[in-house]
Every structure is written in C-alpha cells, then in structure tokens.
Amino acid sequence: MKIIGLSIPLIAVIALSACGATQSERAVSGGAIGAGVGAVGSTVVGGSTLGGAVVGGAVGAATGALTDRSDIDLGKVPTF
C-alpha cells in the first residue's frame, strides 16, 4: 500500500514538472510541486515532513530542469 501511495505523487511530480516555458520556470515549478508532494507523502507514510519536502523538492526541480518544453505537448486546446 505504501508503494502505491508514493507512486501517485511521484507520477504527479514528473507530469507537472514540465509546466513552464523556460528551463528555469520548469525547475522552479517542479521544485515547488515536488516539495509539497514530498512533504505530504512523507507524512502519510510516517516519515519526516521536512525530509520529504527536501527530497521531493530536489527531485521535482531536477526533473523540471531536465525536461524539454516539447516533452509534454498536449497540442491545441479545444475551444467551445
């Protein structure tokens, strides 16, 4: 159960870390999202909230910095 609980936030960090037009924007947004998800995930499994935030922030920032704008391209948004 703990693995499933940790997998969902990790997938969210990877998916959302590409949000941003520039590499630095993706790193900052990935770091912020990762810190939040890491803190919550660590607290849920009984770990250190601060430790989870630090690790999640580092992973999110690295993932955001390493992604390219075209890595996650949803195409045109439909207008109604």
PDB file of N, CA and C in Angstrom:
ATOM      1  N   MET A   1       0.825  -1.196   0.000  1.00  0.00           N
ATOM      2  CA  MET A   1       0.000   0.000   0.000  1.00  0.00           C
ATOM      3  C   MET A   1       0.868   1.257   0.000  1.00  0.00           C
ATOM      4  N   LYS A   2       1.989   1.206   0.715  1.00  0.00           N
ATOM      5  CA  LYS A   2       2.861   2.381   0.761  1.00  0.00           C
ATOM      6  C   LYS A   2       3.446   2.692  -0.608  1.00  0.00           C
ATOM      7  N   ILE A   3       3.735   1.644  -1.383  1.00  0.00           N
ATOM      8  CA  ILE A   3       4.310   1.868  -2.709  1.00  0.00           C
ATOM      9  C   ILE A   3       3.299   2.571  -3.610  1.00  0.00           C
ATOM     10  N   ILE A   4       2.046   2.170  -3.542  1.00  0.00           N
ATOM     11  CA  ILE A   4       1.012   2.833  -4.340  1.00  0.00           C
ATOM     12  C   ILE A   4       0.855   4.275  -3.880  1.00  0.00           C
ATOM     13  N   GLY A   5       0.868   4.483  -2.572  1.00  0.00           N
ATOM     14  CA  GLY A   5       0.727   5.833  -2.031  1.00  0.00           C
ATOM     15  C   GLY A   5       1.856   6.756  -2.446  1.00  0.00           C
ATOM     16  N   LEU A   6       3.039   6.210  -2.638  1.00  0.00           N
ATOM     17  CA  LEU A   6       4.177   7.020  -3.069  1.00  0.00           C
ATOM     18  C   LEU A   6       4.263   7.137  -4.584  1.00  0.00           C
ATOM     19  N   SER A   7       3.725   6.173  -5.305  1.00  0.00           N
ATOM     20  CA  SER A   7       3.796   6.202  -6.763  1.00  0.00           C
ATOM     21  C   SER A   7       2.958   7.323  -7.356  1.00  0.00           C
ATOM     22  N   ILE A   8       1.789   7.541  -6.810  1.00  0.00           N
ATOM     23  CA  ILE A   8       0.896   8.563  -7.350  1.00  0.00           C
ATOM     24  C   ILE A   8       1.512   9.958  -7.257  1.00  0.00           C
ATOM     25  N   PRO A   9       2.034  10.370  -6.088  1.00  0.00           N
ATOM     26  CA  PRO A   9       2.679  11.695  -6.052  1.00  0.00           C
ATOM     27  C   PRO A   9       3.905  11.791  -6.954  1.00  0.00           C
ATOM     28  N   LEU A  10       4.654  10.711  -7.074  1.00  0.00           N
ATOM     29  CA  LEU A  10       5.836  10.729  -7.936  1.00  0.00           C
ATOM     30  C   LEU A  10       5.437  10.933  -9.395  1.00  0.00           C
ATOM     31  N   ILE A  11       4.397  10.259  -9.824  1.00  0.00           N
ATOM     32  CA  ILE A  11       3.909  10.435 -11.191  1.00  0.00           C
ATOM     33  C   ILE A  11       3.428  11.869 -11.399  1.00  0.00           C
ATOM     34  N   ALA A  12       2.759  12.419 -10.389  1.00  0.00           N
ATOM     35  CA  ALA A  12       2.277  13.802 -10.487  1.00  0.00           C
ATOM     36  C   ALA A  12       3.435  14.779 -10.620  1.00  0.00           C
ATOM     37  N   VAL A  13       4.498  14.558  -9.857  1.00  0.00           N
ATOM     38  CA  VAL A  13       5.666  15.441  -9.936  1.00  0.00           C
ATOM     39  C   VAL A  13       6.283  15.388 -11.326  1.00  0.00           C
ATOM     40  N   ILE A  14       6.431  14.195 -11.858  1.00  0.00           N
ATOM     41  CA  ILE A  14       7.039  14.056 -13.179  1.00  0.00           C
ATOM     42  C   ILE A  14       6.159  14.698 -14.250  1.00  0.00           C
ATOM     43  N   ALA A  15       4.856  14.488 -14.149  1.00  0.00           N
ATOM     44  CA  ALA A  15       3.948  15.037 -15.157  1.00  0.00           C
ATOM     45  C   ALA A  15       3.862  16.555 -15.082  1.00  0.00           C
ATOM     46  N   LEU A  16       3.824  17.097 -13.875  1.00  0.00           N
ATOM     47  CA  LEU A  16       3.628  18.532 -13.717  1.00  0.00           C
ATOM     48  C   LEU A  16       4.918  19.337 -13.763  1.00  0.00           C
ATOM     49  N   SER A  17       6.054  18.667 -13.672  1.00  0.00           N
ATOM     50  CA  SER A  17       7.313  19.407 -13.639  1.00  0.00           C
ATOM     51  C   SER A  17       7.643  20.052 -14.980  1.00  0.00           C
ATOM     52  N   ALA A  18       6.975  19.656 -16.032  1.00  0.00           N
ATOM     53  CA  ALA A  18       7.227  20.266 -17.339  1.00  0.00           C
ATOM     54  C   ALA A  18       6.386  21.513 -17.561  1.00  0.00           C
ATOM     55  N   CYS A  19       5.655  21.948 -16.562  1.00  0.00           N
ATOM     56  CA  CYS A  19       4.822  23.151 -16.695  1.00  0.00           C
ATOM     57  C   CYS A  19       5.717  24.384 -16.626  1.00  0.00           C
ATOM     58  N   GLY A  20       5.890  25.058 -17.722  1.00  0.00           N
ATOM     59  CA  GLY A  20       6.711  26.260 -17.776  1.00  0.00           C
ATOM     60  C   GLY A  20       7.310  26.415 -19.154  1.00  0.00           C
ATOM     61  N   ALA A  21       7.525  27.648 -19.542  1.00  0.00           N
ATOM     62  CA  ALA A  21       8.045  27.918 -20.877  1.00  0.00           C
ATOM     63  C   ALA A  21       9.564  27.793 -20.938  1.00  0.00           C
ATOM     64  N   THR A  22      10.245  28.163 -19.858  1.00  0.00           N
ATOM     65  CA  THR A  22      11.707  28.104 -19.864  1.00  0.00           C
ATOM     66  C   THR A  22      12.189  27.022 -18.912  1.00  0.00           C
ATOM     67  N   GLN A  23      13.455  26.680 -19.052  1.00  0.00           N
ATOM     68  CA  GLN A  23      14.028  25.649 -18.198  1.00  0.00           C
ATOM     69  C   GLN A  23      13.982  26.060 -16.731  1.00  0.00           C
ATOM     70  N   SER A  24      14.262  27.310 -16.435  1.00  0.00           N
ATOM     71  CA  SER A  24      14.246  27.750 -15.036  1.00  0.00           C
ATOM     72  C   SER A  24      12.831  27.756 -14.471  1.00  0.00           C
ATOM     73  N   GLU A  25      11.831  28.104 -15.278  1.00  0.00           N
ATOM     74  CA  GLU A  25      10.442  28.049 -14.811  1.00  0.00           C
ATOM     75  C   GLU A  25      10.028  26.620 -14.497  1.00  0.00           C
ATOM     76  N   ARG A  26      10.441  25.682 -15.348  1.00  0.00           N
ATOM     77  CA  ARG A  26      10.113  24.275 -15.103  1.00  0.00           C
ATOM     78  C   ARG A  26      10.821  23.765 -13.856  1.00  0.00           C
ATOM     79  N   ALA A  27      12.049  24.206 -13.620  1.00  0.00           N
ATOM     80  CA  ALA A  27      12.773  23.786 -12.422  1.00  0.00           C
ATOM     81  C   ALA A  27      12.106  24.321 -11.162  1.00  0.00           C
ATOM     82  N   VAL A  28      11.695  25.583 -11.190  1.00  0.00           N
ATOM     83  CA  VAL A  28      11.046  26.182 -10.016  1.00  0.00           C
ATOM     84  C   VAL A  28       9.691  25.538  -9.759  1.00  0.00           C
ATOM     85  N   SER A  29       8.878  25.383 -10.807  1.00  0.00           N
ATOM     86  CA  SER A  29       7.559  24.779 -10.593  1.00  0.00           C
ATOM     87  C   SER A  29       7.693  23.320 -10.187  1.00  0.00           C
ATOM     88  N   GLY A  30       8.625  22.608 -10.782  1.00  0.00           N
ATOM     89  CA  GLY A  30       8.859  21.217 -10.394  1.00  0.00           C
ATOM     90  C   GLY A  30       9.333  21.103  -8.960  1.00  0.00           C
ATOM     91  N   GLY A  31      10.207  22.014  -8.543  1.00  0.00           N
ATOM     92  CA  GLY A  31      10.690  22.007  -7.162  1.00  0.00           C
ATOM     93  C   GLY A  31       9.590  22.295  -6.163  1.00  0.00           C
ATOM     94  N   ALA A  32       8.744  23.265  -6.484  1.00  0.00           N
ATOM     95  CA  ALA A  32       7.645  23.606  -5.572  1.00  0.00           C
ATOM     96  C   ALA A  32       6.630  22.473  -5.475  1.00  0.00           C
ATOM     97  N   ILE A  33       6.269  21.921  -6.612  1.00  0.00           N
ATOM     98  CA  ILE A  33       5.321  20.804  -6.609  1.00  0.00           C
ATOM     99  C   ILE A  33       5.936  19.605  -5.900  1.00  0.00           C
ATOM    100  N   GLY A  34       7.192  19.328  -6.187  1.00  0.00           N
ATOM    101  CA  GLY A  34       7.869  18.198  -5.554  1.00  0.00           C
ATOM    102  C   GLY A  34       7.987  18.347  -4.054  1.00  0.00           C
ATOM    103  N   ALA A  35       8.261  19.553  -3.587  1.00  0.00           N
ATOM    104  CA  ALA A  35       8.362  19.783  -2.143  1.00  0.00           C
ATOM    105  C   ALA A  35       7.023  19.532  -1.461  1.00  0.00           C
ATOM    106  N   GLY A  36       5.955  20.015  -2.066  1.00  0.00           N
ATOM    107  CA  GLY A  36       4.629  19.794  -1.485  1.00  0.00           C
ATOM    108  C   GLY A  36       4.241  18.333  -1.476  1.00  0.00           C
ATOM    109  N   VAL A  37       4.446  17.674  -2.597  1.00  0.00           N
ATOM    110  CA  VAL A  37       4.099  16.256  -2.695  1.00  0.00           C
ATOM    111  C   VAL A  37       4.996  15.424  -1.785  1.00  0.00           C
ATOM    112  N   GLY A  38       6.271  15.767  -1.715  1.00  0.00           N
ATOM    113  CA  GLY A  38       7.190  15.036  -0.842  1.00  0.00           C
ATOM    114  C   GLY A  38       6.841  15.178   0.620  1.00  0.00           C
ATOM    115  N   ALA A  39       6.462  16.380   1.036  1.00  0.00           N
ATOM    116  CA  ALA A  39       6.079  16.606   2.434  1.00  0.00           C
ATOM    117  C   ALA A  39       4.829  15.817   2.793  1.00  0.00           C
ATOM    118  N   VAL A  40       3.828  15.874   1.930  1.00  0.00           N
ATOM    119  CA  VAL A  40       2.584  15.139   2.197  1.00  0.00           C
ATOM    120  C   VAL A  40       2.824  13.634   2.152  1.00  0.00           C
ATOM    121  N   GLY A  41       3.530  13.181   1.139  1.00  0.00           N
ATOM    122  CA  GLY A  41       3.801  11.746   1.015  1.00  0.00           C
ATOM    123  C   GLY A  41       4.598  11.203   2.177  1.00  0.00           C
ATOM    124  N   SER A  42       5.583  11.950   2.624  1.00  0.00           N
ATOM    125  CA  SER A  42       6.396  11.516   3.756  1.00  0.00           C
ATOM    126  C   SER A  42       5.585  11.479   5.041  1.00  0.00           C
ATOM    127  N   THR A  43       4.716  12.449   5.223  1.00  0.00           N
ATOM    128  CA  THR A  43       3.873  12.480   6.411  1.00  0.00           C
ATOM    129  C   THR A  43       2.897  11.310   6.415  1.00  0.00           C
ATOM    130  N   VAL A  44       2.349  10.990   5.257  1.00  0.00           N
ATOM    131  CA  VAL A  44       1.382   9.889   5.159  1.00  0.00           C
ATOM    132  C   VAL A  44       2.018   8.560   5.552  1.00  0.00           C
ATOM    133  N   VAL A  45       3.260   8.340   5.151  1.00  0.00           N
ATOM    134  CA  VAL A  45       3.912   7.068   5.463  1.00  0.00           C
ATOM    135  C   VAL A  45       4.657   7.095   6.793  1.00  0.00           C
ATOM    136  N   GLY A  46       4.550   8.197   7.522  1.00  0.00           N
ATOM    137  CA  GLY A  46       5.144   8.266   8.850  1.00  0.00           C
ATOM    138  C   GLY A  46       6.580   8.737   8.884  1.00  0.00           C
ATOM    139  N   GLY A  47       7.036   9.382   7.844  1.00  0.00           N
ATOM    140  CA  GLY A  47       8.407   9.878   7.797  1.00  0.00           C
ATOM    141  C   GLY A  47       8.498  11.337   8.197  1.00  0.00           C
ATOM    142  N   SER A  48       9.659  11.896   8.006  1.00  0.00           N
ATOM    143  CA  SER A  48       9.907  13.294   8.326  1.00  0.00           C
ATOM    144  C   SER A  48       9.312  14.198   7.248  1.00  0.00           C
ATOM    145  N   THR A  49       8.489  15.138   7.675  1.00  0.00           N
ATOM    146  CA  THR A  49       7.879  16.072   6.731  1.00  0.00           C
ATOM    147  C   THR A  49       8.941  16.922   6.047  1.00  0.00           C
ATOM    148  N   LEU A  50       9.890  17.428   6.820  1.00  0.00           N
ATOM    149  CA  LEU A  50      10.955  18.255   6.257  1.00  0.00           C
ATOM    150  C   LEU A  50      11.821  17.452   5.290  1.00  0.00           C
ATOM    151  N   GLY A  51      12.164  16.244   5.687  1.00  0.00           N
ATOM    152  CA  GLY A  51      12.967  15.389   4.810  1.00  0.00           C
ATOM    153  C   GLY A  51      12.264  15.091   3.499  1.00  0.00           C
ATOM    154  N   GLY A  52      10.966  14.808   3.589  1.00  0.00           N
ATOM    155  CA  GLY A  52      10.183  14.552   2.385  1.00  0.00           C
ATOM    156  C   GLY A  52      10.117  15.763   1.483  1.00  0.00           C
ATOM    157  N   ALA A  53       9.983  16.946   2.095  1.00  0.00           N
ATOM    158  CA  ALA A  53       9.928  18.180   1.311  1.00  0.00           C
ATOM    159  C   ALA A  53      11.256  18.440   0.609  1.00  0.00           C
ATOM    160  N   VAL A  54      12.357  18.198   1.300  1.00  0.00           N
ATOM    161  CA  VAL A  54      13.681  18.428   0.710  1.00  0.00           C
ATOM    162  C   VAL A  54      13.925  17.469  -0.454  1.00  0.00           C
ATOM    163  N   VAL A  55      13.665  16.190  -0.225  1.00  0.00           N
ATOM    164  CA  VAL A  55      13.891  15.200  -1.279  1.00  0.00           C
ATOM    165  C   VAL A  55      12.934  15.430  -2.449  1.00  0.00           C
ATOM    166  N   GLY A  56      11.660  15.652  -2.144  1.00  0.00           N
ATOM    167  CA  GLY A  56      10.680  15.905  -3.199  1.00  0.00           C
ATOM    168  C   GLY A  56      11.007  17.150  -3.997  1.00  0.00           C
ATOM    169  N   GLY A  57      11.443  18.201  -3.306  1.00  0.00           N
ATOM    170  CA  GLY A  57      11.821  19.429  -3.992  1.00  0.00           C
ATOM    171  C   GLY A  57      13.011  19.230  -4.905  1.00  0.00           C
ATOM    172  N   ALA A  58      13.993  18.478  -4.436  1.00  0.00           N
ATOM    173  CA  ALA A  58      15.182  18.220  -5.254  1.00  0.00           C
ATOM    174  C   ALA A  58      14.835  17.394  -6.489  1.00  0.00           C
ATOM    175  N   VAL A  59      14.030  16.353  -6.290  1.00  0.00           N
ATOM    176  CA  VAL A  59      13.632  15.507  -7.421  1.00  0.00           C
ATOM    177  C   VAL A  59      12.779  16.302  -8.408  1.00  0.00           C
ATOM    178  N   GLY A  60      11.845  17.078  -7.889  1.00  0.00           N
ATOM    179  CA  GLY A  60      10.986  17.879  -8.761  1.00  0.00           C
ATOM    180  C   GLY A  60      11.760  18.927  -9.537  1.00  0.00           C
ATOM    181  N   ALA A  61      12.693  19.603  -8.869  1.00  0.00           N
ATOM    182  CA  ALA A  61      13.496  20.625  -9.545  1.00  0.00           C
ATOM    183  C   ALA A  61      14.386  20.005 -10.619  1.00  0.00           C
ATOM    184  N   ALA A  62      14.994  18.878 -10.294  1.00  0.00           N
ATOM    185  CA  ALA A  62      15.846  18.208 -11.279  1.00  0.00           C
ATOM    186  C   ALA A  62      15.030  17.733 -12.473  1.00  0.00           C
ATOM    187  N   THR A  63      13.864  17.162 -12.191  1.00  0.00           N
ATOM    188  CA  THR A  63      13.009  16.690 -13.280  1.00  0.00           C
ATOM    189  C   THR A  63      12.546  17.853 -14.143  1.00  0.00           C
ATOM    190  N   GLY A  64      12.156  18.946 -13.518  1.00  0.00           N
ATOM    191  CA  GLY A  64      11.723  20.119 -14.272  1.00  0.00           C
ATOM    192  C   GLY A  64      12.834  20.707 -15.113  1.00  0.00           C
ATOM    193  N   ALA A  65      14.038  20.734 -14.567  1.00  0.00           N
ATOM    194  CA  ALA A  65      15.172  21.295 -15.303  1.00  0.00           C
ATOM    195  C   ALA A  65      15.590  20.402 -16.468  1.00  0.00           C
ATOM    196  N   LEU A  66      15.391  19.113 -16.322  1.00  0.00           N
ATOM    197  CA  LEU A  66      15.824  18.178 -17.359  1.00  0.00           C
ATOM    198  C   LEU A  66      14.784  17.949 -18.448  1.00  0.00           C
ATOM    199  N   THR A  67      13.553  18.386 -18.220  1.00  0.00           N
ATOM    200  CA  THR A  67      12.528  18.197 -19.242  1.00  0.00           C
ATOM    201  C   THR A  67      12.590  19.320 -20.263  1.00  0.00           C
ATOM    202  N   ASP A  68      12.174  19.005 -21.441  1.00  0.00           N
ATOM    203  CA  ASP A  68      12.114  19.972 -22.521  1.00  0.00           C
ATOM    204  C   ASP A  68      10.664  20.392 -22.697  1.00  0.00           C
ATOM    205  N   ARG A  69      10.466  21.574 -23.204  1.00  0.00           N
ATOM    206  CA  ARG A  69       9.102  22.070 -23.385  1.00  0.00           C
ATOM    207  C   ARG A  69       8.273  21.125 -24.246  1.00  0.00           C
ATOM    208  N   SER A  70       8.906  20.461 -25.193  1.00  0.00           N
ATOM    209  CA  SER A  70       8.178  19.569 -26.091  1.00  0.00           C
ATOM    210  C   SER A  70       8.002  18.163 -25.525  1.00  0.00           C
ATOM    211  N   ASP A  71       8.580  17.878 -24.349  1.00  0.00           N
ATOM    212  CA  ASP A  71       8.418  16.548 -23.754  1.00  0.00           C
ATOM    213  C   ASP A  71       6.958  16.243 -23.449  1.00  0.00           C
ATOM    214  N   ILE A  72       6.252  17.231 -22.965  1.00  0.00           N
ATOM    215  CA  ILE A  72       4.835  17.062 -22.672  1.00  0.00           C
ATOM    216  C   ILE A  72       4.099  18.109 -23.490  1.00  0.00           C
ATOM    217  N   ASP A  73       3.606  17.696 -24.644  1.00  0.00           N
ATOM    218  CA  ASP A  73       2.903  18.602 -25.544  1.00  0.00           C
ATOM    219  C   ASP A  73       1.480  18.097 -25.705  1.00  0.00           C
ATOM    220  N   LEU A  74       0.545  18.823 -25.146  1.00  0.00           N
ATOM    221  CA  LEU A  74      -0.850  18.404 -25.196  1.00  0.00           C
ATOM    222  C   LEU A  74      -1.547  18.871 -26.462  1.00  0.00           C
ATOM    223  N   GLY A  75      -0.848  19.592 -27.302  1.00  0.00           N
ATOM    224  CA  GLY A  75      -1.443  20.067 -28.539  1.00  0.00           C
ATOM    225  C   GLY A  75      -2.345  21.259 -28.303  1.00  0.00           C
ATOM    226  N   LYS A  76      -3.183  21.517 -29.266  1.00  0.00           N
ATOM    227  CA  LYS A  76      -4.085  22.661 -29.158  1.00  0.00           C
ATOM    228  C   LYS A  76      -5.219  22.353 -28.188  1.00  0.00           C
ATOM    229  N   VAL A  77      -5.572  23.345 -27.424  1.00  0.00           N
ATOM    230  CA  VAL A  77      -6.695  23.216 -26.506  1.00  0.00           C
ATOM    231  C   VAL A  77      -7.969  23.511 -27.288  1.00  0.00           C
ATOM    232  N   PRO A  78      -8.953  22.603 -27.208  1.00  0.00           N
ATOM    233  CA  PRO A  78     -10.180  22.855 -27.968  1.00  0.00           C
ATOM    234  C   PRO A  78     -10.947  24.048 -27.405  1.00  0.00           C
ATOM    235  N   THR A  79     -11.537  24.818 -28.292  1.00  0.00           N
ATOM    236  CA  THR A  79     -12.373  25.940 -27.865  1.00  0.00           C
ATOM    237  C   THR A  79     -13.825  25.586 -28.124  1.00  0.00           C
ATOM    238  N   PHE A  80     -14.655  25.952 -27.204  1.00  0.00           N
ATOM    239  CA  PHE A  80     -16.078  25.618 -27.308  1.00  0.00           C
ATOM    240  C   PHE A  80     -16.896  26.856 -27.517  1.00  0.00           C
TER     241      PHE A  80
END
